[in-house]
Amino acid sequence: MQVSILGQNIKMIREKKYINAYQLSKKAHVSASTISEIESGIRQNLNSSTVMKIANALDVSVDSLYKTENNLEYVVEDIQDCFHMILESEVLKLDDEELSDTEKKQLQVSFQASLDVIRLNRENTKKRRNKK
């Protein structure tokens, strides 16, 4: 089983900071099995809040958990996770101007509203199909 960049980096950063998996799990408020599964490659998909908890516990940015030696690589399958990673970027610009915290919050609220509409539309479509 291939370990994701995320799993490799969590383990590497944890070990560099002389933190064992159990200590990280307690500090991040996630289970020890979650840390083990991420680092071993058993668990490939994480929600954004878990990634953020682990990044905070390791005192690193979310971006640093996805870095490769040559470049940044994002291994996400969930659009919400991807958007959270974008918002966690140290410098986020629009038209060569850095976004303020207020502007980031506006993006976050708008994005969440869009996701809510998509979910509602999907739910309504499923209900219509089930009535047939």
C-alpha atoms as a PDB file:
ATOM      1  CA  MET A   1       0.000   0.000   0.000  1.00  0.00           C
ATOM      2  CA  GLN A   2       1.395   3.382  -1.010  1.00  0.00           C
ATOM      3  CA  VAL A   3       1.636   6.027   1.696  1.00  0.00           C
ATOM      4  CA  SER A   4       0.465   9.479   0.659  1.00  0.00           C
ATOM      5  CA  ILE A   5       2.676  12.548   0.804  1.00  0.00           C
ATOM      6  CA  LEU A   6       0.524  13.619   3.750  1.00  0.00           C
ATOM      7  CA  GLY A   7       1.248  10.405   5.664  1.00  0.00           C
ATOM      8  CA  GLN A   8       4.952  10.559   4.898  1.00  0.00           C
ATOM      9  CA  ASN A   9       5.219  14.189   5.966  1.00  0.00           C
ATOM     10  CA  ILE A  10       3.269  13.737   9.199  1.00  0.00           C
ATOM     11  CA  LYS A  11       5.601  10.942  10.203  1.00  0.00           C
ATOM     12  CA  MET A  12       8.733  12.832   9.134  1.00  0.00           C
ATOM     13  CA  ILE A  13       7.746  16.041  10.951  1.00  0.00           C
ATOM     14  CA  ARG A  14       6.608  14.105  14.026  1.00  0.00           C
ATOM     15  CA  GLU A  15       9.900  12.247  14.214  1.00  0.00           C
ATOM     16  CA  LYS A  16      11.954  15.424  13.682  1.00  0.00           C
ATOM     17  CA  LYS A  17      10.136  16.935  16.652  1.00  0.00           C
ATOM     18  CA  TYR A  18      10.761  13.778  18.740  1.00  0.00           C
ATOM     19  CA  ILE A  19       7.020  13.189  19.172  1.00  0.00           C
ATOM     20  CA  ASN A  20       5.680   9.636  19.096  1.00  0.00           C
ATOM     21  CA  ALA A  21       2.385   8.794  17.400  1.00  0.00           C
ATOM     22  CA  TYR A  22       0.543   8.484  20.702  1.00  0.00           C
ATOM     23  CA  GLN A  23       1.703  11.931  21.843  1.00  0.00           C
ATOM     24  CA  LEU A  24       0.641  13.442  18.527  1.00  0.00           C
ATOM     25  CA  SER A  25      -2.773  11.817  18.748  1.00  0.00           C
ATOM     26  CA  LYS A  26      -3.348  13.284  22.209  1.00  0.00           C
ATOM     27  CA  LYS A  27      -2.116  16.721  21.214  1.00  0.00           C
ATOM     28  CA  ALA A  28      -4.215  16.722  18.014  1.00  0.00           C
ATOM     29  CA  HIS A  29      -7.299  15.233  19.721  1.00  0.00           C
ATOM     30  CA  VAL A  30      -7.538  12.384  17.229  1.00  0.00           C
ATOM     31  CA  SER A  31      -7.197   8.680  17.895  1.00  0.00           C
ATOM     32  CA  ALA A  32      -3.813   6.979  17.893  1.00  0.00           C
ATOM     33  CA  SER A  33      -5.165   4.559  15.301  1.00  0.00           C
ATOM     34  CA  THR A  34      -5.953   7.510  12.999  1.00  0.00           C
ATOM     35  CA  ILE A  35      -2.325   8.673  13.151  1.00  0.00           C
ATOM     36  CA  SER A  36      -1.079   5.120  12.578  1.00  0.00           C
ATOM     37  CA  GLU A  37      -3.437   4.553   9.634  1.00  0.00           C
ATOM     38  CA  ILE A  38      -2.435   7.854   7.990  1.00  0.00           C
ATOM     39  CA  GLU A  39       1.274   7.196   8.379  1.00  0.00           C
ATOM     40  CA  SER A  40       1.038   3.605   7.164  1.00  0.00           C
ATOM     41  CA  GLY A  41      -1.137   4.426   4.148  1.00  0.00           C
ATOM     42  CA  ILE A  42      -4.194   2.515   5.320  1.00  0.00           C
ATOM     43  CA  ARG A  43      -6.132   5.748   5.570  1.00  0.00           C
ATOM     44  CA  GLN A  44      -5.811   7.941   2.486  1.00  0.00           C
ATOM     45  CA  ASN A  45      -8.795  10.280   2.802  1.00  0.00           C
ATOM     46  CA  LEU A  46      -9.029  12.772   5.637  1.00  0.00           C
ATOM     47  CA  ASN A  47     -11.459  15.518   6.379  1.00  0.00           C
ATOM     48  CA  SER A  48     -10.051  19.010   6.576  1.00  0.00           C
ATOM     49  CA  SER A  49     -10.588  19.368  10.320  1.00  0.00           C
ATOM     50  CA  THR A  50      -8.406  16.314  11.020  1.00  0.00           C
ATOM     51  CA  VAL A  51      -5.616  17.682   8.816  1.00  0.00           C
ATOM     52  CA  MET A  52      -5.847  21.049  10.566  1.00  0.00           C
ATOM     53  CA  LYS A  53      -5.761  19.441  14.026  1.00  0.00           C
ATOM     54  CA  ILE A  54      -2.636  17.478  13.116  1.00  0.00           C
ATOM     55  CA  ALA A  55      -0.953  20.533  11.563  1.00  0.00           C
ATOM     56  CA  ASN A  56      -1.704  22.590  14.677  1.00  0.00           C
ATOM     57  CA  ALA A  57      -0.437  19.842  16.974  1.00  0.00           C
ATOM     58  CA  LEU A  58       2.813  19.680  14.982  1.00  0.00           C
ATOM     59  CA  ASP A  59       2.977  23.494  14.897  1.00  0.00           C
ATOM     60  CA  VAL A  60       3.216  23.580  11.092  1.00  0.00           C
ATOM     61  CA  SER A  61       1.031  24.901   8.287  1.00  0.00           C
ATOM     62  CA  VAL A  62      -1.374  22.606   6.476  1.00  0.00           C
ATOM     63  CA  ASP A  63       0.634  23.346   3.314  1.00  0.00           C
ATOM     64  CA  SER A  64       3.774  21.890   4.861  1.00  0.00           C
ATOM     65  CA  LEU A  65       1.992  18.575   5.387  1.00  0.00           C
ATOM     66  CA  TYR A  66       1.526  18.298   1.598  1.00  0.00           C
ATOM     67  CA  LYS A  67       4.976  19.450   0.463  1.00  0.00           C
ATOM     68  CA  THR A  68       7.127  17.265  -1.703  1.00  0.00           C
ATOM     69  CA  GLU A  69      10.869  17.707  -2.054  1.00  0.00           C
ATOM     70  CA  ASN A  70      10.600  19.671  -5.285  1.00  0.00           C
ATOM     71  CA  ASN A  71       7.135  21.097  -5.185  1.00  0.00           C
ATOM     72  CA  LEU A  72       3.785  21.251  -3.448  1.00  0.00           C
ATOM     73  CA  GLU A  73       1.524  18.315  -4.142  1.00  0.00           C
ATOM     74  CA  TYR A  74      -2.066  18.223  -3.003  1.00  0.00           C
ATOM     75  CA  VAL A  75      -3.525  14.780  -2.538  1.00  0.00           C
ATOM     76  CA  VAL A  76      -7.173  15.431  -1.859  1.00  0.00           C
ATOM     77  CA  GLU A  77     -10.352  13.983  -3.197  1.00  0.00           C
ATOM     78  CA  ASP A  78     -12.775  16.258  -1.393  1.00  0.00           C
ATOM     79  CA  ILE A  79     -13.320  19.768  -2.742  1.00  0.00           C
ATOM     80  CA  GLN A  80     -13.992  21.110   0.742  1.00  0.00           C
ATOM     81  CA  ASP A  81     -10.614  19.802   1.963  1.00  0.00           C
ATOM     82  CA  CYS A  82      -8.911  21.392  -1.027  1.00  0.00           C
ATOM     83  CA  PHE A  83     -10.569  24.746  -0.399  1.00  0.00           C
ATOM     84  CA  HIS A  84      -9.528  24.698   3.266  1.00  0.00           C
ATOM     85  CA  MET A  85      -5.945  24.040   2.211  1.00  0.00           C
ATOM     86  CA  ILE A  86      -6.083  27.013  -0.123  1.00  0.00           C
ATOM     87  CA  LEU A  87      -7.373  29.274   2.658  1.00  0.00           C
ATOM     88  CA  GLU A  88      -4.608  28.041   4.976  1.00  0.00           C
ATOM     89  CA  SER A  89      -1.925  29.197   2.536  1.00  0.00           C
ATOM     90  CA  GLU A  90       0.470  31.688   4.054  1.00  0.00           C
ATOM     91  CA  VAL A  91       0.016  34.157   1.201  1.00  0.00           C
ATOM     92  CA  LEU A  92      -3.174  34.133  -0.806  1.00  0.00           C
ATOM     93  CA  LYS A  93      -3.514  36.689  -3.581  1.00  0.00           C
ATOM     94  CA  LEU A  94      -6.139  37.911  -6.002  1.00  0.00           C
ATOM     95  CA  ASP A  95      -4.969  40.147  -8.859  1.00  0.00           C
ATOM     96  CA  ASP A  96      -1.478  40.327  -7.280  1.00  0.00           C
ATOM     97  CA  GLU A  97      -2.899  41.712  -4.028  1.00  0.00           C
ATOM     98  CA  GLU A  98      -2.882  39.693  -0.805  1.00  0.00           C
ATOM     99  CA  LEU A  99      -6.307  38.804   0.567  1.00  0.00           C
ATOM    100  CA  SER A 100      -7.229  40.165   3.974  1.00  0.00           C
ATOM    101  CA  ASP A 101      -8.681  37.946   6.676  1.00  0.00           C
ATOM    102  CA  THR A 102     -12.090  39.502   5.953  1.00  0.00           C
ATOM    103  CA  GLU A 103     -11.788  38.654   2.274  1.00  0.00           C
ATOM    104  CA  LYS A 104     -10.757  35.086   3.105  1.00  0.00           C
ATOM    105  CA  LYS A 105     -13.817  34.818   5.354  1.00  0.00           C
ATOM    106  CA  GLN A 106     -16.025  36.113   2.508  1.00  0.00           C
ATOM    107  CA  LEU A 107     -14.641  33.396   0.244  1.00  0.00           C
ATOM    108  CA  GLN A 108     -15.188  30.767   2.913  1.00  0.00           C
ATOM    109  CA  VAL A 109     -18.810  31.803   3.529  1.00  0.00           C
ATOM    110  CA  SER A 110     -19.584  31.987  -0.206  1.00  0.00           C
ATOM    111  CA  PHE A 111     -17.953  28.637  -0.876  1.00  0.00           C
ATOM    112  CA  GLN A 112     -19.840  26.967   1.976  1.00  0.00           C
ATOM    113  CA  ALA A 113     -23.124  28.435   0.721  1.00  0.00           C
ATOM    114  CA  SER A 114     -22.394  27.041  -2.750  1.00  0.00           C
ATOM    115  CA  LEU A 115     -21.679  23.591  -1.316  1.00  0.00           C
ATOM    116  CA  ASP A 116     -24.900  23.737   0.685  1.00  0.00           C
ATOM    117  CA  VAL A 117     -26.880  24.535  -2.501  1.00  0.00           C
ATOM    118  CA  ILE A 118     -25.222  21.637  -4.352  1.00  0.00           C
ATOM    119  CA  ARG A 119     -26.027  19.240  -1.498  1.00  0.00           C
ATOM    120  CA  LEU A 120     -29.630  20.451  -1.351  1.00  0.00           C
ATOM    121  CA  ASN A 121     -30.019  20.024  -5.117  1.00  0.00           C
ATOM    122  CA  ARG A 122     -28.619  16.495  -4.905  1.00  0.00           C
ATOM    123  CA  GLU A 123     -30.966  15.656  -2.054  1.00  0.00           C
ATOM    124  CA  ASN A 124     -33.970  16.990  -3.975  1.00  0.00           C
ATOM    125  CA  THR A 125     -32.956  15.027  -7.078  1.00  0.00           C
ATOM    126  CA  LYS A 126     -32.718  11.824  -5.033  1.00  0.00           C
ATOM    127  CA  LYS A 127     -36.159  12.452  -3.509  1.00  0.00           C
ATOM    128  CA  ARG A 128     -37.689  12.978  -6.956  1.00  0.00           C
ATOM    129  CA  ARG A 129     -36.099   9.749  -8.222  1.00  0.00           C
ATOM    130  CA  ASN A 130     -37.413   7.804  -5.259  1.00  0.00           C
ATOM    131  CA  LYS A 131     -40.975   9.022  -5.884  1.00  0.00           C
ATOM    132  CA  LYS A 132     -40.976   7.528  -9.385  1.00  0.00           C
END
